[in-house]
Amino acid sequence: MDDFGSGYSSLNMLKEAPVDEIKLDMRFLSAADPYGRAEEILHMIITMGNHMKLSIIAEGVETEQQKVMLQGFGCNKAQGYFYARPMRKAEYTELLRKEKAGN
């Protein structure tokens, strides 16, 4: 379920749809958090997803601090500028080739 926590990606959809993976909306990691609730909501969604044996992907990870926080909450996958900027297929293939050669 993409962009969980926004739009039509609600708890009811999680209950009613055949879901095996939750992709957390990047707005949970944005700087705008006027009531200071985003971190606690993220923690609870990740905990809930892990209890339901779902894969959890956080999108919009831009800093080491965000990565560490998400790992501490039990988030098992992440994407964002912290790892890499968007790239063309040929660039990605080359990146994978270099990583494989280095291991």
PDB file of N, CA and C in Angstrom:
ATOM      1  N   MET A   1       0.861  -1.163   0.000  1.00  0.00           N
ATOM      2  CA  MET A   1       0.000   0.000   0.000  1.00  0.00           C
ATOM      3  C   MET A   1       0.908   1.226   0.000  1.00  0.00           C
ATOM      4  N   ASP A   2       0.846   1.998  -1.044  1.00  0.00           N
ATOM      5  CA  ASP A   2       1.713   3.166  -1.228  1.00  0.00           C
ATOM      6  C   ASP A   2       1.174   4.374  -0.465  1.00  0.00           C
ATOM      7  N   ASP A   3       2.080   5.230  -0.015  1.00  0.00           N
ATOM      8  CA  ASP A   3       1.754   6.486   0.675  1.00  0.00           C
ATOM      9  C   ASP A   3       0.825   6.269   1.863  1.00  0.00           C
ATOM     10  N   PHE A   4       1.104   5.220   2.644  1.00  0.00           N
ATOM     11  CA  PHE A   4       0.259   4.929   3.793  1.00  0.00           C
ATOM     12  C   PHE A   4       0.244   6.114   4.749  1.00  0.00           C
ATOM     13  N   GLY A   5      -0.927   6.454   5.193  1.00  0.00           N
ATOM     14  CA  GLY A   5      -1.091   7.586   6.102  1.00  0.00           C
ATOM     15  C   GLY A   5      -1.621   8.823   5.414  1.00  0.00           C
ATOM     16  N   SER A   6      -1.867   8.731   4.116  1.00  0.00           N
ATOM     17  CA  SER A   6      -2.415   9.883   3.400  1.00  0.00           C
ATOM     18  C   SER A   6      -3.465   9.420   2.396  1.00  0.00           C
ATOM     19  N   GLY A   7      -4.343  10.307   2.019  1.00  0.00           N
ATOM     20  CA  GLY A   7      -5.344  10.011   0.998  1.00  0.00           C
ATOM     21  C   GLY A   7      -6.194   8.805   1.324  1.00  0.00           C
ATOM     22  N   TYR A   8      -6.300   7.890   0.369  1.00  0.00           N
ATOM     23  CA  TYR A   8      -7.136   6.707   0.531  1.00  0.00           C
ATOM     24  C   TYR A   8      -6.422   5.562   1.232  1.00  0.00           C
ATOM     25  N   SER A   9      -5.162   5.724   1.570  1.00  0.00           N
ATOM     26  CA  SER A   9      -4.410   4.682   2.268  1.00  0.00           C
ATOM     27  C   SER A   9      -4.714   4.760   3.756  1.00  0.00           C
ATOM     28  N   SER A  10      -5.845   4.247   4.140  1.00  0.00           N
ATOM     29  CA  SER A  10      -6.305   4.359   5.516  1.00  0.00           C
ATOM     30  C   SER A  10      -6.246   3.011   6.227  1.00  0.00           C
ATOM     31  N   LEU A  11      -6.550   3.032   7.508  1.00  0.00           N
ATOM     32  CA  LEU A  11      -6.599   1.786   8.265  1.00  0.00           C
ATOM     33  C   LEU A  11      -7.685   0.859   7.729  1.00  0.00           C
ATOM     34  N   ASN A  12      -8.799   1.414   7.266  1.00  0.00           N
ATOM     35  CA  ASN A  12      -9.842   0.568   6.692  1.00  0.00           C
ATOM     36  C   ASN A  12      -9.346  -0.144   5.440  1.00  0.00           C
ATOM     37  N   MET A  13      -8.583   0.540   4.612  1.00  0.00           N
ATOM     38  CA  MET A  13      -8.033  -0.106   3.417  1.00  0.00           C
ATOM     39  C   MET A  13      -7.054  -1.205   3.813  1.00  0.00           C
ATOM     40  N   LEU A  14      -6.297  -0.978   4.858  1.00  0.00           N
ATOM     41  CA  LEU A  14      -5.362  -1.981   5.346  1.00  0.00           C
ATOM     42  C   LEU A  14      -6.122  -3.220   5.807  1.00  0.00           C
ATOM     43  N   LYS A  15      -7.288  -3.007   6.400  1.00  0.00           N
ATOM     44  CA  LYS A  15      -8.128  -4.109   6.873  1.00  0.00           C
ATOM     45  C   LYS A  15      -8.771  -4.851   5.704  1.00  0.00           C
ATOM     46  N   GLU A  16      -9.175  -4.131   4.676  1.00  0.00           N
ATOM     47  CA  GLU A  16     -10.006  -4.706   3.618  1.00  0.00           C
ATOM     48  C   GLU A  16      -9.247  -5.157   2.371  1.00  0.00           C
ATOM     49  N   ALA A  17      -8.025  -4.705   2.176  1.00  0.00           N
ATOM     50  CA  ALA A  17      -7.280  -5.026   0.955  1.00  0.00           C
ATOM     51  C   ALA A  17      -6.202  -6.075   1.240  1.00  0.00           C
ATOM     52  N   PRO A  18      -5.871  -6.890   0.239  1.00  0.00           N
ATOM     53  CA  PRO A  18      -4.787  -7.869   0.418  1.00  0.00           C
ATOM     54  C   PRO A  18      -3.431  -7.153   0.347  1.00  0.00           C
ATOM     55  N   VAL A  19      -2.888  -6.817   1.482  1.00  0.00           N
ATOM     56  CA  VAL A  19      -1.665  -6.012   1.561  1.00  0.00           C
ATOM     57  C   VAL A  19      -0.554  -6.846   2.199  1.00  0.00           C
ATOM     58  N   ASP A  20       0.655  -6.776   1.629  1.00  0.00           N
ATOM     59  CA  ASP A  20       1.800  -7.436   2.242  1.00  0.00           C
ATOM     60  C   ASP A  20       2.936  -6.451   2.515  1.00  0.00           C
ATOM     61  N   GLU A  21       2.728  -5.201   2.105  1.00  0.00           N
ATOM     62  CA  GLU A  21       3.769  -4.190   2.260  1.00  0.00           C
ATOM     63  C   GLU A  21       3.122  -2.818   2.432  1.00  0.00           C
ATOM     64  N   ILE A  22       3.677  -2.040   3.360  1.00  0.00           N
ATOM     65  CA  ILE A  22       3.226  -0.666   3.583  1.00  0.00           C
ATOM     66  C   ILE A  22       4.376   0.267   3.228  1.00  0.00           C
ATOM     67  N   LYS A  23       4.097   1.244   2.384  1.00  0.00           N
ATOM     68  CA  LYS A  23       5.081   2.272   2.054  1.00  0.00           C
ATOM     69  C   LYS A  23       4.620   3.561   2.731  1.00  0.00           C
ATOM     70  N   LEU A  24       5.358   3.973   3.748  1.00  0.00           N
ATOM     71  CA  LEU A  24       4.981   5.135   4.552  1.00  0.00           C
ATOM     72  C   LEU A  24       5.132   6.425   3.770  1.00  0.00           C
ATOM     73  N   ASP A  25       4.138   7.267   3.856  1.00  0.00           N
ATOM     74  CA  ASP A  25       4.167   8.551   3.171  1.00  0.00           C
ATOM     75  C   ASP A  25       5.343   9.388   3.666  1.00  0.00           C
ATOM     76  N   MET A  26       6.047  10.018   2.740  1.00  0.00           N
ATOM     77  CA  MET A  26       7.253  10.784   3.092  1.00  0.00           C
ATOM     78  C   MET A  26       6.958  11.996   3.975  1.00  0.00           C
ATOM     79  N   ARG A  27       5.704  12.422   4.011  1.00  0.00           N
ATOM     80  CA  ARG A  27       5.379  13.592   4.832  1.00  0.00           C
ATOM     81  C   ARG A  27       5.563  13.333   6.325  1.00  0.00           C
ATOM     82  N   PHE A  28       5.598  12.059   6.731  1.00  0.00           N
ATOM     83  CA  PHE A  28       5.870  11.760   8.135  1.00  0.00           C
ATOM     84  C   PHE A  28       7.289  12.179   8.531  1.00  0.00           C
ATOM     85  N   LEU A  29       8.192  12.234   7.560  1.00  0.00           N
ATOM     86  CA  LEU A  29       9.579  12.614   7.840  1.00  0.00           C
ATOM     87  C   LEU A  29       9.879  14.071   7.516  1.00  0.00           C
ATOM     88  N   SER A  30       8.904  14.789   7.015  1.00  0.00           N
ATOM     89  CA  SER A  30       9.149  16.184   6.654  1.00  0.00           C
ATOM     90  C   SER A  30       9.309  17.043   7.908  1.00  0.00           C
ATOM     91  N   ALA A  31       9.893  18.191   7.728  1.00  0.00           N
ATOM     92  CA  ALA A  31      10.148  19.104   8.857  1.00  0.00           C
ATOM     93  C   ALA A  31       8.854  19.649   9.455  1.00  0.00           C
ATOM     94  N   ALA A  32       7.808  19.731   8.668  1.00  0.00           N
ATOM     95  CA  ALA A  32       6.544  20.290   9.148  1.00  0.00           C
ATOM     96  C   ALA A  32       5.841  19.290  10.063  1.00  0.00           C
ATOM     97  N   ASP A  33       5.871  19.552  11.348  1.00  0.00           N
ATOM     98  CA  ASP A  33       5.219  18.705  12.352  1.00  0.00           C
ATOM     99  C   ASP A  33       4.750  19.617  13.482  1.00  0.00           C
ATOM    100  N   PRO A  34       3.733  20.427  13.215  1.00  0.00           N
ATOM    101  CA  PRO A  34       3.351  21.485  14.156  1.00  0.00           C
ATOM    102  C   PRO A  34       2.953  20.993  15.545  1.00  0.00           C
ATOM    103  N   TYR A  35       2.473  19.767  15.664  1.00  0.00           N
ATOM    104  CA  TYR A  35       2.035  19.269  16.965  1.00  0.00           C
ATOM    105  C   TYR A  35       2.989  18.236  17.567  1.00  0.00           C
ATOM    106  N   GLY A  36       4.104  17.971  16.853  1.00  0.00           N
ATOM    107  CA  GLY A  36       5.103  17.039  17.368  1.00  0.00           C
ATOM    108  C   GLY A  36       4.613  15.605  17.460  1.00  0.00           C
ATOM    109  N   ARG A  37       3.778  15.196  16.526  1.00  0.00           N
ATOM    110  CA  ARG A  37       3.181  13.865  16.581  1.00  0.00           C
ATOM    111  C   ARG A  37       3.746  12.883  15.564  1.00  0.00           C
ATOM    112  N   ALA A  38       4.442  13.365  14.562  1.00  0.00           N
ATOM    113  CA  ALA A  38       4.854  12.517  13.437  1.00  0.00           C
ATOM    114  C   ALA A  38       5.711  11.340  13.879  1.00  0.00           C
ATOM    115  N   GLU A  39       6.679  11.572  14.745  1.00  0.00           N
ATOM    116  CA  GLU A  39       7.575  10.494  15.169  1.00  0.00           C
ATOM    117  C   GLU A  39       6.803   9.391  15.887  1.00  0.00           C
ATOM    118  N   GLU A  40       5.899   9.760  16.763  1.00  0.00           N
ATOM    119  CA  GLU A  40       5.103   8.763  17.492  1.00  0.00           C
ATOM    120  C   GLU A  40       4.166   8.009  16.555  1.00  0.00           C
ATOM    121  N   ILE A  41       3.575   8.703  15.593  1.00  0.00           N
ATOM    122  CA  ILE A  41       2.699   8.042  14.616  1.00  0.00           C
ATOM    123  C   ILE A  41       3.510   7.045  13.786  1.00  0.00           C
ATOM    124  N   LEU A  42       4.686   7.460  13.325  1.00  0.00           N
ATOM    125  CA  LEU A  42       5.557   6.555  12.574  1.00  0.00           C
ATOM    126  C   LEU A  42       5.864   5.304  13.385  1.00  0.00           C
ATOM    127  N   HIS A  43       6.239   5.503  14.627  1.00  0.00           N
ATOM    128  CA  HIS A  43       6.581   4.378  15.502  1.00  0.00           C
ATOM    129  C   HIS A  43       5.404   3.410  15.614  1.00  0.00           C
ATOM    130  N   MET A  44       4.210   3.937  15.819  1.00  0.00           N
ATOM    131  CA  MET A  44       3.028   3.084  15.977  1.00  0.00           C
ATOM    132  C   MET A  44       2.665   2.360  14.675  1.00  0.00           C
ATOM    133  N   ILE A  45       2.771   3.037  13.538  1.00  0.00           N
ATOM    134  CA  ILE A  45       2.465   2.383  12.258  1.00  0.00           C
ATOM    135  C   ILE A  45       3.462   1.262  11.982  1.00  0.00           C
ATOM    136  N   ILE A  46       4.734   1.521  12.219  1.00  0.00           N
ATOM    137  CA  ILE A  46       5.767   0.503  12.001  1.00  0.00           C
ATOM    138  C   ILE A  46       5.546  -0.679  12.932  1.00  0.00           C
ATOM    139  N   THR A  47       5.251  -0.412  14.197  1.00  0.00           N
ATOM    140  CA  THR A  47       4.981  -1.482  15.158  1.00  0.00           C
ATOM    141  C   THR A  47       3.776  -2.305  14.717  1.00  0.00           C
ATOM    142  N   MET A  48       2.705  -1.623  14.315  1.00  0.00           N
ATOM    143  CA  MET A  48       1.501  -2.311  13.850  1.00  0.00           C
ATOM    144  C   MET A  48       1.825  -3.179  12.627  1.00  0.00           C
ATOM    145  N   GLY A  49       2.533  -2.613  11.664  1.00  0.00           N
ATOM    146  CA  GLY A  49       2.889  -3.366  10.468  1.00  0.00           C
ATOM    147  C   GLY A  49       3.744  -4.579  10.779  1.00  0.00           C
ATOM    148  N   ASN A  50       4.695  -4.427  11.680  1.00  0.00           N
ATOM    149  CA  ASN A  50       5.540  -5.561  12.062  1.00  0.00           C
ATOM    150  C   ASN A  50       4.720  -6.649  12.748  1.00  0.00           C
ATOM    151  N   HIS A  51       3.777  -6.279  13.602  1.00  0.00           N
ATOM    152  CA  HIS A  51       2.907  -7.264  14.248  1.00  0.00           C
ATOM    153  C   HIS A  51       2.041  -7.997  13.226  1.00  0.00           C
ATOM    154  N   MET A  52       1.729  -7.320  12.127  1.00  0.00           N
ATOM    155  CA  MET A  52       0.913  -7.926  11.071  1.00  0.00           C
ATOM    156  C   MET A  52       1.773  -8.655  10.043  1.00  0.00           C
ATOM    157  N   LYS A  53       3.091  -8.738  10.298  1.00  0.00           N
ATOM    158  CA  LYS A  53       4.054  -9.418   9.409  1.00  0.00           C
ATOM    159  C   LYS A  53       4.098  -8.777   8.021  1.00  0.00           C
ATOM    160  N   LEU A  54       3.978  -7.430   7.976  1.00  0.00           N
ATOM    161  CA  LEU A  54       4.057  -6.689   6.728  1.00  0.00           C
ATOM    162  C   LEU A  54       5.450  -6.104   6.560  1.00  0.00           C
ATOM    163  N   SER A  55       5.898  -5.992   5.341  1.00  0.00           N
ATOM    164  CA  SER A  55       7.132  -5.284   5.039  1.00  0.00           C
ATOM    165  C   SER A  55       6.839  -3.783   5.130  1.00  0.00           C
ATOM    166  N   ILE A  56       7.736  -3.032   5.748  1.00  0.00           N
ATOM    167  CA  ILE A  56       7.540  -1.598   5.926  1.00  0.00           C
ATOM    168  C   ILE A  56       8.639  -0.851   5.176  1.00  0.00           C
ATOM    169  N   ILE A  57       8.233   0.064   4.293  1.00  0.00           N
ATOM    170  CA  ILE A  57       9.176   0.903   3.549  1.00  0.00           C
ATOM    171  C   ILE A  57       8.898   2.358   3.918  1.00  0.00           C
ATOM    172  N   ALA A  58       9.924   3.061   4.358  1.00  0.00           N
ATOM    173  CA  ALA A  58       9.797   4.495   4.628  1.00  0.00           C
ATOM    174  C   ALA A  58      10.354   5.250   3.434  1.00  0.00           C
ATOM    175  N   GLU A  59       9.575   6.162   2.900  1.00  0.00           N
ATOM    176  CA  GLU A  59      10.075   6.961   1.784  1.00  0.00           C
ATOM    177  C   GLU A  59      10.427   8.359   2.280  1.00  0.00           C
ATOM    178  N   GLY A  60      11.369   8.980   1.606  1.00  0.00           N
ATOM    179  CA  GLY A  60      11.754  10.341   1.941  1.00  0.00           C
ATOM    180  C   GLY A  60      12.857  10.442   2.974  1.00  0.00           C
ATOM    181  N   VAL A  61      13.638   9.381   3.167  1.00  0.00           N
ATOM    182  CA  VAL A  61      14.734   9.412   4.137  1.00  0.00           C
ATOM    183  C   VAL A  61      15.864  10.258   3.560  1.00  0.00           C
ATOM    184  N   GLU A  62      16.211  11.317   4.276  1.00  0.00           N
ATOM    185  CA  GLU A  62      17.228  12.247   3.789  1.00  0.00           C
ATOM    186  C   GLU A  62      18.432  12.381   4.706  1.00  0.00           C
ATOM    187  N   THR A  63      18.335  11.911   5.950  1.00  0.00           N
ATOM    188  CA  THR A  63      19.437  12.102   6.892  1.00  0.00           C
ATOM    189  C   THR A  63      19.768  10.802   7.632  1.00  0.00           C
ATOM    190  N   GLU A  64      20.967  10.742   8.144  1.00  0.00           N
ATOM    191  CA  GLU A  64      21.405   9.612   8.991  1.00  0.00           C
ATOM    192  C   GLU A  64      20.501   9.502  10.214  1.00  0.00           C
ATOM    193  N   GLN A  65      20.141  10.638  10.792  1.00  0.00           N
ATOM    194  CA  GLN A  65      19.280  10.646  11.980  1.00  0.00           C
ATOM    195  C   GLN A  65      17.923   9.984  11.688  1.00  0.00           C
ATOM    196  N   GLN A  66      17.330  10.293  10.544  1.00  0.00           N
ATOM    197  CA  GLN A  66      16.063   9.661  10.169  1.00  0.00           C
ATOM    198  C   GLN A  66      16.244   8.155   9.986  1.00  0.00           C
ATOM    199  N   LYS A  67      17.331   7.768   9.331  1.00  0.00           N
ATOM    200  CA  LYS A  67      17.610   6.348   9.107  1.00  0.00           C
ATOM    201  C   LYS A  67      17.724   5.606  10.428  1.00  0.00           C
ATOM    202  N   VAL A  68      18.491   6.163  11.358  1.00  0.00           N
ATOM    203  CA  VAL A  68      18.700   5.526  12.660  1.00  0.00           C
ATOM    204  C   VAL A  68      17.380   5.433  13.434  1.00  0.00           C
ATOM    205  N   MET A  69      16.592   6.509  13.407  1.00  0.00           N
ATOM    206  CA  MET A  69      15.302   6.511  14.093  1.00  0.00           C
ATOM    207  C   MET A  69      14.409   5.405  13.545  1.00  0.00           C
ATOM    208  N   LEU A  70      14.298   5.310  12.224  1.00  0.00           N
ATOM    209  CA  LEU A  70      13.442   4.305  11.592  1.00  0.00           C
ATOM    210  C   LEU A  70      13.916   2.892  11.911  1.00  0.00           C
ATOM    211  N   GLN A  71      15.211   2.670  11.885  1.00  0.00           N
ATOM    212  CA  GLN A  71      15.746   1.358  12.238  1.00  0.00           C
ATOM    213  C   GLN A  71      15.398   1.019  13.689  1.00  0.00           C
ATOM    214  N   GLY A  72      15.502   2.012  14.570  1.00  0.00           N
ATOM    215  CA  GLY A  72      15.154   1.808  15.967  1.00  0.00           C
ATOM    216  C   GLY A  72      13.688   1.453  16.165  1.00  0.00           C
ATOM    217  N   PHE A  73      12.844   1.934  15.286  1.00  0.00           N
ATOM    218  CA  PHE A  73      11.407   1.631  15.345  1.00  0.00           C
ATOM    219  C   PHE A  73      11.088   0.270  14.728  1.00  0.00           C
ATOM    220  N   GLY A  74      12.066  -0.327  14.021  1.00  0.00           N
ATOM    221  CA  GLY A  74      11.849  -1.628  13.391  1.00  0.00           C
ATOM    222  C   GLY A  74      11.480  -1.558  11.924  1.00  0.00           C
ATOM    223  N   CYS A  75      11.725  -0.415  11.299  1.00  0.00           N
ATOM    224  CA  CYS A  75      11.459  -0.280   9.860  1.00  0.00           C
ATOM    225  C   CYS A  75      12.542  -1.045   9.108  1.00  0.00           C
ATOM    226  N   ASN A  76      12.119  -1.950   8.211  1.00  0.00           N
ATOM    227  CA  ASN A  76      13.091  -2.827   7.569  1.00  0.00           C
ATOM    228  C   ASN A  76      13.521  -2.410   6.163  1.00  0.00           C
ATOM    229  N   LYS A  77      12.944  -1.331   5.631  1.00  0.00           N
ATOM    230  CA  LYS A  77      13.346  -0.838   4.311  1.00  0.00           C
ATOM    231  C   LYS A  77      13.160   0.679   4.270  1.00  0.00           C
ATOM    232  N   ALA A  78      13.983   1.334   3.469  1.00  0.00           N
ATOM    233  CA  ALA A  78      13.859   2.785   3.328  1.00  0.00           C
ATOM    234  C   ALA A  78      14.371   3.209   1.962  1.00  0.00           C
ATOM    235  N   GLN A  79      13.890   4.360   1.533  1.00  0.00           N
ATOM    236  CA  GLN A  79      14.376   4.954   0.290  1.00  0.00           C
ATOM    237  C   GLN A  79      14.396   6.463   0.472  1.00  0.00           C
ATOM    238  N   GLY A  80      15.218   7.116  -0.307  1.00  0.00           N
ATOM    239  CA  GLY A  80      15.281   8.565  -0.245  1.00  0.00           C
ATOM    240  C   GLY A  80      16.652   9.078  -0.637  1.00  0.00           C
ATOM    241  N   TYR A  81      16.789  10.383  -0.612  1.00  0.00           N
ATOM    242  CA  TYR A  81      18.033  11.032  -1.026  1.00  0.00           C
ATOM    243  C   TYR A  81      19.225  10.636  -0.161  1.00  0.00           C
ATOM    244  N   PHE A  82      18.993  10.170   1.054  1.00  0.00           N
ATOM    245  CA  PHE A  82      20.107   9.717   1.893  1.00  0.00           C
ATOM    246  C   PHE A  82      20.860   8.587   1.192  1.00  0.00           C
ATOM    247  N   TYR A  83      20.129   7.751   0.476  1.00  0.00           N
ATOM    248  CA  TYR A  83      20.734   6.598  -0.191  1.00  0.00           C
ATOM    249  C   TYR A  83      21.177   6.929  -1.609  1.00  0.00           C
ATOM    250  N   ALA A  84      20.353   7.649  -2.351  1.00  0.00           N
ATOM    251  CA  ALA A  84      20.700   8.024  -3.719  1.00  0.00           C
ATOM    252  C   ALA A  84      19.638   8.956  -4.285  1.00  0.00           C
ATOM    253  N   ARG A  85      20.069   9.800  -5.181  1.00  0.00           N
ATOM    254  CA  ARG A  85      19.145  10.657  -5.926  1.00  0.00           C
ATOM    255  C   ARG A  85      18.498   9.819  -7.028  1.00  0.00           C
ATOM    256  N   PRO A  86      17.368  10.252  -7.555  1.00  0.00           N
ATOM    257  CA  PRO A  86      16.784   9.537  -8.689  1.00  0.00           C
ATOM    258  C   PRO A  86      17.797   9.459  -9.831  1.00  0.00           C
ATOM    259  N   MET A  87      17.806   8.314 -10.521  1.00  0.00           N
ATOM    260  CA  MET A  87      18.774   8.141 -11.604  1.00  0.00           C
ATOM    261  C   MET A  87      18.161   7.323 -12.731  1.00  0.00           C
ATOM    262  N   ARG A  88      18.799   7.434 -13.859  1.00  0.00           N
ATOM    263  CA  ARG A  88      18.360   6.670 -15.032  1.00  0.00           C
ATOM    264  C   ARG A  88      18.737   5.198 -14.839  1.00  0.00           C
ATOM    265  N   LYS A  89      18.090   4.357 -15.611  1.00  0.00           N
ATOM    266  CA  LYS A  89      18.299   2.914 -15.513  1.00  0.00           C
ATOM    267  C   LYS A  89      19.778   2.550 -15.706  1.00  0.00           C
ATOM    268  N   ALA A  90      20.431   3.157 -16.682  1.00  0.00           N
ATOM    269  CA  ALA A  90      21.838   2.834 -16.952  1.00  0.00           C
ATOM    270  C   ALA A  90      22.725   3.196 -15.755  1.00  0.00           C
ATOM    271  N   GLU A  91      22.441   4.311 -15.107  1.00  0.00           N
ATOM    272  CA  GLU A  91      23.212   4.706 -13.917  1.00  0.00           C
ATOM    273  C   GLU A  91      22.989   3.719 -12.781  1.00  0.00           C
ATOM    274  N   TYR A  92      21.736   3.302 -12.607  1.00  0.00           N
ATOM    275  CA  TYR A  92      21.410   2.348 -11.547  1.00  0.00           C
ATOM    276  C   TYR A  92      22.086   1.000 -11.801  1.00  0.00           C
ATOM    277  N   THR A  93      22.064   0.560 -13.042  1.00  0.00           N
ATOM    278  CA  THR A  93      22.713  -0.700 -13.402  1.00  0.00           C
ATOM    279  C   THR A  93      24.205  -0.632 -13.101  1.00  0.00           C
ATOM    280  N   GLU A  94      24.827   0.490 -13.422  1.00  0.00           N
ATOM    281  CA  GLU A  94      26.261   0.674 -13.141  1.00  0.00           C
ATOM    282  C   GLU A  94      26.519   0.683 -11.639  1.00  0.00           C
ATOM    283  N   LEU A  95      25.681   1.353 -10.881  1.00  0.00           N
ATOM    284  CA  LEU A  95      25.807   1.373  -9.415  1.00  0.00           C
ATOM    285  C   LEU A  95      25.745  -0.046  -8.842  1.00  0.00           C
ATOM    286  N   LEU A  96      24.781  -0.825  -9.312  1.00  0.00           N
ATOM    287  CA  LEU A  96      24.661  -2.222  -8.850  1.00  0.00           C
ATOM    288  C   LEU A  96      25.881  -3.043  -9.236  1.00  0.00           C
ATOM    289  N   ARG A  97      26.395  -2.817 -10.446  1.00  0.00           N
ATOM    290  CA  ARG A  97      27.574  -3.543 -10.898  1.00  0.00           C
ATOM    291  C   ARG A  97      28.773  -3.257  -9.998  1.00  0.00           C
ATOM    292  N   LYS A  98      28.961  -1.971  -9.666  1.00  0.00           N
ATOM    293  CA  LYS A  98      30.076  -1.564  -8.798  1.00  0.00           C
ATOM    294  C   LYS A  98      29.924  -2.140  -7.388  1.00  0.00           C
ATOM    295  N   GLU A  99      28.702  -2.134  -6.880  1.00  0.00           N
ATOM    296  CA  GLU A  99      28.465  -2.698  -5.538  1.00  0.00           C
ATOM    297  C   GLU A  99      28.760  -4.186  -5.524  1.00  0.00           C
ATOM    298  N   LYS A 100      28.323  -4.878  -6.564  1.00  0.00           N
ATOM    299  CA  LYS A 100      28.555  -6.320  -6.642  1.00  0.00           C
ATOM    300  C   LYS A 100      30.048  -6.605  -6.748  1.00  0.00           C
ATOM    301  N   ALA A 101      30.764  -5.816  -7.515  1.00  0.00           N
ATOM    302  CA  ALA A 101      32.209  -6.008  -7.686  1.00  0.00           C
ATOM    303  C   ALA A 101      32.963  -5.730  -6.384  1.00  0.00           C
ATOM    304  N   GLY A 102      32.429  -4.828  -5.570  1.00  0.00           N
ATOM    305  CA  GLY A 102      33.071  -4.481  -4.308  1.00  0.00           C
ATOM    306  C   GLY A 102      32.833  -5.480  -3.195  1.00  0.00           C
ATOM    307  N   ASN A 103      31.861  -6.357  -3.385  1.00  0.00           N
ATOM    308  CA  ASN A 103      31.533  -7.356  -2.342  1.00  0.00           C
ATOM    309  C   ASN A 103      32.129  -8.690  -2.610  1.00  0.00           C
TER     310      ASN A 103
END
